[in-house]
Amino acid sequence: MKRWLIWAPLAVFAVLFVVVASGLMRPSDTAVHSTLVDKPLPDFRLDPMVPGKPGLASADFGKGQPRLLNVFASWCIPCIAEAPQLMALKAKGVTIDAIAIHDKGPAIADFLRRNGDPYTAIGDDARSSVQMALGSSGVPETFLVDGRGRIVRQYIGDIRADQVDQIVRDVAAAR
């Protein structure tokens, strides 16, 4: 009986080693994916963020034309990095609306002046309530909403140049 007890610590170590090694070998997906993909856009109404540009409501979607819904902020560094790609999408005919979170109108106006304005409408989500209802975990994040008002795709993080053509195809497929 005592001989078995001598090997018990080694057996416990071996089991722990296998568990840890298997966890290290399997890549983890740390992104938080929205549970609303393939579901209707949640009901919301947001006031305008900047003068001369309308606010945003869920009723604006689902009128037959797919659109992108971009969650962003003026203080967000990756949002600055994705600005040229959003301008490229706009130039290719993609309609883009935005939700600005935890921000102020003058800061957003300055952001748009410096980085371009690809947005048709910008809603003010000061408390991030719509962002949370969408299942968005951060900024930037973009949702493709089809012509029926249903979220069909989520793009987590900043949109990169190599994604622009695929997003244009995704929008065309969502018609």
C-alpha atoms as a PDB file:
ATOM      1  CA  MET A   1       0.000   0.000   0.000  1.00  0.00           C
ATOM      2  CA  LYS A   2       2.822   2.387   0.806  1.00  0.00           C
ATOM      3  CA  ARG A   3       4.382   1.883  -2.628  1.00  0.00           C
ATOM      4  CA  TRP A   4       1.238   3.226  -4.310  1.00  0.00           C
ATOM      5  CA  LEU A   5       1.327   6.401  -2.180  1.00  0.00           C
ATOM      6  CA  ILE A   6       4.847   7.140  -3.394  1.00  0.00           C
ATOM      7  CA  TRP A   7       3.603   7.346  -7.025  1.00  0.00           C
ATOM      8  CA  ALA A   8       0.392   9.329  -6.278  1.00  0.00           C
ATOM      9  CA  PRO A   9       2.016  12.809  -6.489  1.00  0.00           C
ATOM     10  CA  LEU A  10       3.566  11.915  -9.851  1.00  0.00           C
ATOM     11  CA  ALA A  11       0.182  10.723 -11.165  1.00  0.00           C
ATOM     12  CA  VAL A  12      -1.535  13.918  -9.987  1.00  0.00           C
ATOM     13  CA  PHE A  13       1.210  16.002 -11.632  1.00  0.00           C
ATOM     14  CA  ALA A  14       0.850  14.054 -14.894  1.00  0.00           C
ATOM     15  CA  VAL A  15      -2.930  14.629 -14.976  1.00  0.00           C
ATOM     16  CA  LEU A  16      -2.489  18.359 -14.294  1.00  0.00           C
ATOM     17  CA  PHE A  17       0.212  18.557 -16.962  1.00  0.00           C
ATOM     18  CA  VAL A  18      -2.089  16.987 -19.570  1.00  0.00           C
ATOM     19  CA  VAL A  19      -4.976  19.350 -18.668  1.00  0.00           C
ATOM     20  CA  VAL A  20      -2.774  22.476 -18.852  1.00  0.00           C
ATOM     21  CA  ALA A  21      -1.019  21.374 -22.052  1.00  0.00           C
ATOM     22  CA  SER A  22      -4.316  20.670 -23.821  1.00  0.00           C
ATOM     23  CA  GLY A  23      -5.576  24.133 -22.829  1.00  0.00           C
ATOM     24  CA  LEU A  24      -2.445  25.754 -24.230  1.00  0.00           C
ATOM     25  CA  MET A  25      -2.666  23.861 -27.513  1.00  0.00           C
ATOM     26  CA  ARG A  26      -6.250  24.911 -28.241  1.00  0.00           C
ATOM     27  CA  PRO A  27      -6.549  28.550 -29.384  1.00  0.00           C
ATOM     28  CA  SER A  28      -9.241  30.437 -27.552  1.00  0.00           C
ATOM     29  CA  ASP A  29     -11.678  32.876 -29.104  1.00  0.00           C
ATOM     30  CA  THR A  30     -11.828  35.781 -26.696  1.00  0.00           C
ATOM     31  CA  ALA A  31     -14.217  37.864 -28.805  1.00  0.00           C
ATOM     32  CA  VAL A  32     -17.727  38.312 -27.487  1.00  0.00           C
ATOM     33  CA  HIS A  33     -20.127  37.449 -30.303  1.00  0.00           C
ATOM     34  CA  SER A  34     -23.602  38.931 -30.410  1.00  0.00           C
ATOM     35  CA  THR A  35     -26.456  36.524 -29.842  1.00  0.00           C
ATOM     36  CA  LEU A  36     -28.587  38.711 -32.138  1.00  0.00           C
ATOM     37  CA  VAL A  37     -26.995  37.534 -35.371  1.00  0.00           C
ATOM     38  CA  ASP A  38     -29.872  36.128 -37.474  1.00  0.00           C
ATOM     39  CA  LYS A  39     -32.390  37.998 -35.280  1.00  0.00           C
ATOM     40  CA  PRO A  40     -34.209  41.321 -35.678  1.00  0.00           C
ATOM     41  CA  LEU A  41     -32.509  44.532 -34.636  1.00  0.00           C
ATOM     42  CA  PRO A  42     -33.614  45.480 -31.096  1.00  0.00           C
ATOM     43  CA  ASP A  43     -36.039  48.387 -30.777  1.00  0.00           C
ATOM     44  CA  PHE A  44     -34.301  51.721 -30.093  1.00  0.00           C
ATOM     45  CA  ARG A  45     -34.425  55.459 -30.749  1.00  0.00           C
ATOM     46  CA  LEU A  46     -31.334  57.648 -30.329  1.00  0.00           C
ATOM     47  CA  ASP A  47     -31.108  61.433 -30.470  1.00  0.00           C
ATOM     48  CA  PRO A  48     -28.841  63.078 -33.062  1.00  0.00           C
ATOM     49  CA  MET A  49     -25.181  63.316 -32.092  1.00  0.00           C
ATOM     50  CA  VAL A  50     -24.051  66.208 -34.282  1.00  0.00           C
ATOM     51  CA  PRO A  51     -25.915  69.151 -35.836  1.00  0.00           C
ATOM     52  CA  GLY A  52     -27.073  68.580 -39.401  1.00  0.00           C
ATOM     53  CA  LYS A  53     -27.114  64.804 -39.131  1.00  0.00           C
ATOM     54  CA  PRO A  54     -30.190  62.848 -37.994  1.00  0.00           C
ATOM     55  CA  GLY A  55     -30.347  60.568 -34.990  1.00  0.00           C
ATOM     56  CA  LEU A  56     -30.972  56.879 -35.407  1.00  0.00           C
ATOM     57  CA  ALA A  57     -33.815  54.475 -34.693  1.00  0.00           C
ATOM     58  CA  SER A  58     -34.432  50.815 -35.340  1.00  0.00           C
ATOM     59  CA  ALA A  59     -37.404  51.905 -37.483  1.00  0.00           C
ATOM     60  CA  ASP A  60     -34.872  53.363 -39.981  1.00  0.00           C
ATOM     61  CA  PHE A  61     -33.819  49.803 -40.830  1.00  0.00           C
ATOM     62  CA  GLY A  62     -35.807  47.077 -42.570  1.00  0.00           C
ATOM     63  CA  LYS A  63     -36.962  49.230 -45.473  1.00  0.00           C
ATOM     64  CA  GLY A  64     -35.575  46.953 -48.171  1.00  0.00           C
ATOM     65  CA  GLN A  65     -31.960  48.146 -48.264  1.00  0.00           C
ATOM     66  CA  PRO A  66     -29.161  46.514 -46.249  1.00  0.00           C
ATOM     67  CA  ARG A  67     -26.977  48.860 -44.204  1.00  0.00           C
ATOM     68  CA  LEU A  68     -24.047  48.755 -41.875  1.00  0.00           C
ATOM     69  CA  LEU A  69     -24.460  49.853 -38.266  1.00  0.00           C
ATOM     70  CA  ASN A  70     -21.101  50.976 -36.868  1.00  0.00           C
ATOM     71  CA  VAL A  71     -20.568  51.348 -33.111  1.00  0.00           C
ATOM     72  CA  PHE A  72     -17.744  53.846 -32.539  1.00  0.00           C
ATOM     73  CA  ALA A  73     -16.360  56.685 -30.393  1.00  0.00           C
ATOM     74  CA  SER A  74     -14.140  59.695 -31.025  1.00  0.00           C
ATOM     75  CA  TRP A  75     -11.711  58.586 -28.289  1.00  0.00           C
ATOM     76  CA  CYS A  76     -11.272  55.122 -29.850  1.00  0.00           C
ATOM     77  CA  ILE A  77      -7.874  54.641 -31.560  1.00  0.00           C
ATOM     78  CA  PRO A  78      -8.995  51.603 -33.656  1.00  0.00           C
ATOM     79  CA  CYS A  79     -11.979  53.715 -34.828  1.00  0.00           C
ATOM     80  CA  ILE A  80      -9.487  56.159 -36.332  1.00  0.00           C
ATOM     81  CA  ALA A  81      -7.684  53.246 -37.999  1.00  0.00           C
ATOM     82  CA  GLU A  82     -10.902  51.951 -39.588  1.00  0.00           C
ATOM     83  CA  ALA A  83     -12.069  55.374 -40.851  1.00  0.00           C
ATOM     84  CA  PRO A  84     -10.425  55.037 -44.312  1.00  0.00           C
ATOM     85  CA  GLN A  85     -12.103  51.646 -44.810  1.00  0.00           C
ATOM     86  CA  LEU A  86     -15.507  53.080 -43.894  1.00  0.00           C
ATOM     87  CA  MET A  87     -14.918  55.887 -46.399  1.00  0.00           C
ATOM     88  CA  ALA A  88     -14.013  53.243 -49.025  1.00  0.00           C
ATOM     89  CA  LEU A  89     -17.233  51.349 -48.252  1.00  0.00           C
ATOM     90  CA  LYS A  90     -19.243  54.549 -48.613  1.00  0.00           C
ATOM     91  CA  ALA A  91     -17.521  55.248 -51.955  1.00  0.00           C
ATOM     92  CA  LYS A  92     -18.620  51.771 -53.109  1.00  0.00           C
ATOM     93  CA  GLY A  93     -22.249  52.609 -52.324  1.00  0.00           C
ATOM     94  CA  VAL A  94     -22.623  51.010 -48.883  1.00  0.00           C
ATOM     95  CA  THR A  95     -24.975  52.876 -46.533  1.00  0.00           C
ATOM     96  CA  ILE A  96     -23.446  53.237 -43.067  1.00  0.00           C
ATOM     97  CA  ASP A  97     -25.193  54.463 -39.919  1.00  0.00           C
ATOM     98  CA  ALA A  98     -23.499  54.888 -36.565  1.00  0.00           C
ATOM     99  CA  ILE A  99     -23.992  54.732 -32.856  1.00  0.00           C
ATOM    100  CA  ALA A 100     -21.596  56.927 -30.883  1.00  0.00           C
ATOM    101  CA  ILE A 101     -21.046  55.715 -27.338  1.00  0.00           C
ATOM    102  CA  HIS A 102     -19.850  57.629 -24.272  1.00  0.00           C
ATOM    103  CA  ASP A 103     -19.102  60.732 -26.337  1.00  0.00           C
ATOM    104  CA  LYS A 104     -19.926  64.400 -26.873  1.00  0.00           C
ATOM    105  CA  GLY A 105     -21.173  66.120 -30.023  1.00  0.00           C
ATOM    106  CA  PRO A 106     -18.168  68.466 -30.456  1.00  0.00           C
ATOM    107  CA  ALA A 107     -15.718  65.558 -30.113  1.00  0.00           C
ATOM    108  CA  ILE A 108     -17.626  63.538 -32.719  1.00  0.00           C
ATOM    109  CA  ALA A 109     -17.777  66.553 -35.073  1.00  0.00           C
ATOM    110  CA  ASP A 110     -13.998  66.965 -34.725  1.00  0.00           C
ATOM    111  CA  PHE A 111     -13.486  63.224 -35.318  1.00  0.00           C
ATOM    112  CA  LEU A 112     -15.538  63.409 -38.532  1.00  0.00           C
ATOM    113  CA  ARG A 113     -13.680  66.528 -39.698  1.00  0.00           C
ATOM    114  CA  ARG A 114     -10.299  64.842 -39.206  1.00  0.00           C
ATOM    115  CA  ASN A 115     -11.147  61.318 -40.433  1.00  0.00           C
ATOM    116  CA  GLY A 116     -13.999  61.748 -42.903  1.00  0.00           C
ATOM    117  CA  ASP A 117     -17.728  61.228 -42.500  1.00  0.00           C
ATOM    118  CA  PRO A 118     -19.080  57.986 -43.976  1.00  0.00           C
ATOM    119  CA  TYR A 119     -22.292  58.081 -41.902  1.00  0.00           C
ATOM    120  CA  THR A 120     -25.867  58.745 -43.018  1.00  0.00           C
ATOM    121  CA  ALA A 121     -27.060  59.112 -39.408  1.00  0.00           C
ATOM    122  CA  ILE A 122     -25.377  59.097 -35.987  1.00  0.00           C
ATOM    123  CA  GLY A 123     -27.252  58.278 -32.786  1.00  0.00           C
ATOM    124  CA  ASP A 124     -26.099  59.320 -29.316  1.00  0.00           C
ATOM    125  CA  ASP A 125     -25.849  56.282 -27.026  1.00  0.00           C
ATOM    126  CA  ALA A 126     -24.392  58.035 -23.979  1.00  0.00           C
ATOM    127  CA  ARG A 127     -25.158  55.132 -21.620  1.00  0.00           C
ATOM    128  CA  SER A 128     -24.317  52.333 -24.093  1.00  0.00           C
ATOM    129  CA  SER A 129     -27.795  50.882 -23.662  1.00  0.00           C
ATOM    130  CA  VAL A 130     -28.267  50.218 -27.390  1.00  0.00           C
ATOM    131  CA  GLN A 131     -24.702  48.941 -27.677  1.00  0.00           C
ATOM    132  CA  MET A 132     -25.418  46.413 -24.914  1.00  0.00           C
ATOM    133  CA  ALA A 133     -28.793  45.486 -26.456  1.00  0.00           C
ATOM    134  CA  LEU A 134     -26.945  44.674 -29.690  1.00  0.00           C
ATOM    135  CA  GLY A 135     -24.545  42.398 -27.841  1.00  0.00           C
ATOM    136  CA  SER A 136     -21.610  44.618 -28.738  1.00  0.00           C
ATOM    137  CA  SER A 137     -18.660  44.312 -26.413  1.00  0.00           C
ATOM    138  CA  GLY A 138     -16.559  47.263 -27.499  1.00  0.00           C
ATOM    139  CA  VAL A 139     -15.630  49.761 -30.154  1.00  0.00           C
ATOM    140  CA  PRO A 140     -15.369  49.646 -33.028  1.00  0.00           C
ATOM    141  CA  GLU A 141     -17.850  47.017 -33.971  1.00  0.00           C
ATOM    142  CA  THR A 142     -20.041  46.850 -37.059  1.00  0.00           C
ATOM    143  CA  PHE A 143     -23.252  44.991 -37.786  1.00  0.00           C
ATOM    144  CA  LEU A 144     -24.697  44.208 -41.209  1.00  0.00           C
ATOM    145  CA  VAL A 145     -28.470  44.640 -41.091  1.00  0.00           C
ATOM    146  CA  ASP A 146     -30.403  43.201 -44.037  1.00  0.00           C
ATOM    147  CA  GLY A 147     -33.318  44.827 -45.861  1.00  0.00           C
ATOM    148  CA  ARG A 148     -35.792  43.273 -43.410  1.00  0.00           C
ATOM    149  CA  GLY A 149     -34.113  44.737 -40.311  1.00  0.00           C
ATOM    150  CA  ARG A 150     -32.391  41.509 -39.285  1.00  0.00           C
ATOM    151  CA  ILE A 151     -28.749  41.403 -38.150  1.00  0.00           C
ATOM    152  CA  VAL A 152     -26.989  39.033 -40.538  1.00  0.00           C
ATOM    153  CA  ARG A 153     -23.324  39.558 -39.670  1.00  0.00           C
ATOM    154  CA  GLN A 154     -21.096  41.051 -37.009  1.00  0.00           C
ATOM    155  CA  TYR A 155     -17.617  42.458 -37.661  1.00  0.00           C
ATOM    156  CA  ILE A 156     -15.697  42.642 -34.387  1.00  0.00           C
ATOM    157  CA  GLY A 157     -12.927  45.217 -34.139  1.00  0.00           C
ATOM    158  CA  ASP A 158     -11.769  47.677 -36.747  1.00  0.00           C
ATOM    159  CA  ILE A 159     -12.531  46.943 -40.380  1.00  0.00           C
ATOM    160  CA  ARG A 160      -9.289  46.440 -42.294  1.00  0.00           C
ATOM    161  CA  ALA A 161      -8.526  47.234 -45.913  1.00  0.00           C
ATOM    162  CA  ASP A 162      -8.482  43.536 -46.855  1.00  0.00           C
ATOM    163  CA  GLN A 163     -12.100  43.190 -45.618  1.00  0.00           C
ATOM    164  CA  VAL A 164     -13.664  45.979 -47.700  1.00  0.00           C
ATOM    165  CA  ASP A 165     -14.406  43.939 -50.849  1.00  0.00           C
ATOM    166  CA  GLN A 166     -15.837  41.051 -48.808  1.00  0.00           C
ATOM    167  CA  ILE A 167     -18.086  43.431 -46.866  1.00  0.00           C
ATOM    168  CA  VAL A 168     -19.353  44.904 -50.159  1.00  0.00           C
ATOM    169  CA  ARG A 169     -20.192  41.346 -51.280  1.00  0.00           C
ATOM    170  CA  ASP A 170     -21.857  40.640 -47.905  1.00  0.00           C
ATOM    171  CA  VAL A 171     -24.015  43.763 -48.277  1.00  0.00           C
ATOM    172  CA  ALA A 172     -25.003  42.759 -51.828  1.00  0.00           C
ATOM    173  CA  ALA A 173     -25.944  39.273 -50.598  1.00  0.00           C
ATOM    174  CA  ALA A 174     -28.098  40.765 -47.813  1.00  0.00           C
ATOM    175  CA  ARG A 175     -30.445  42.508 -50.278  1.00  0.00           C
END
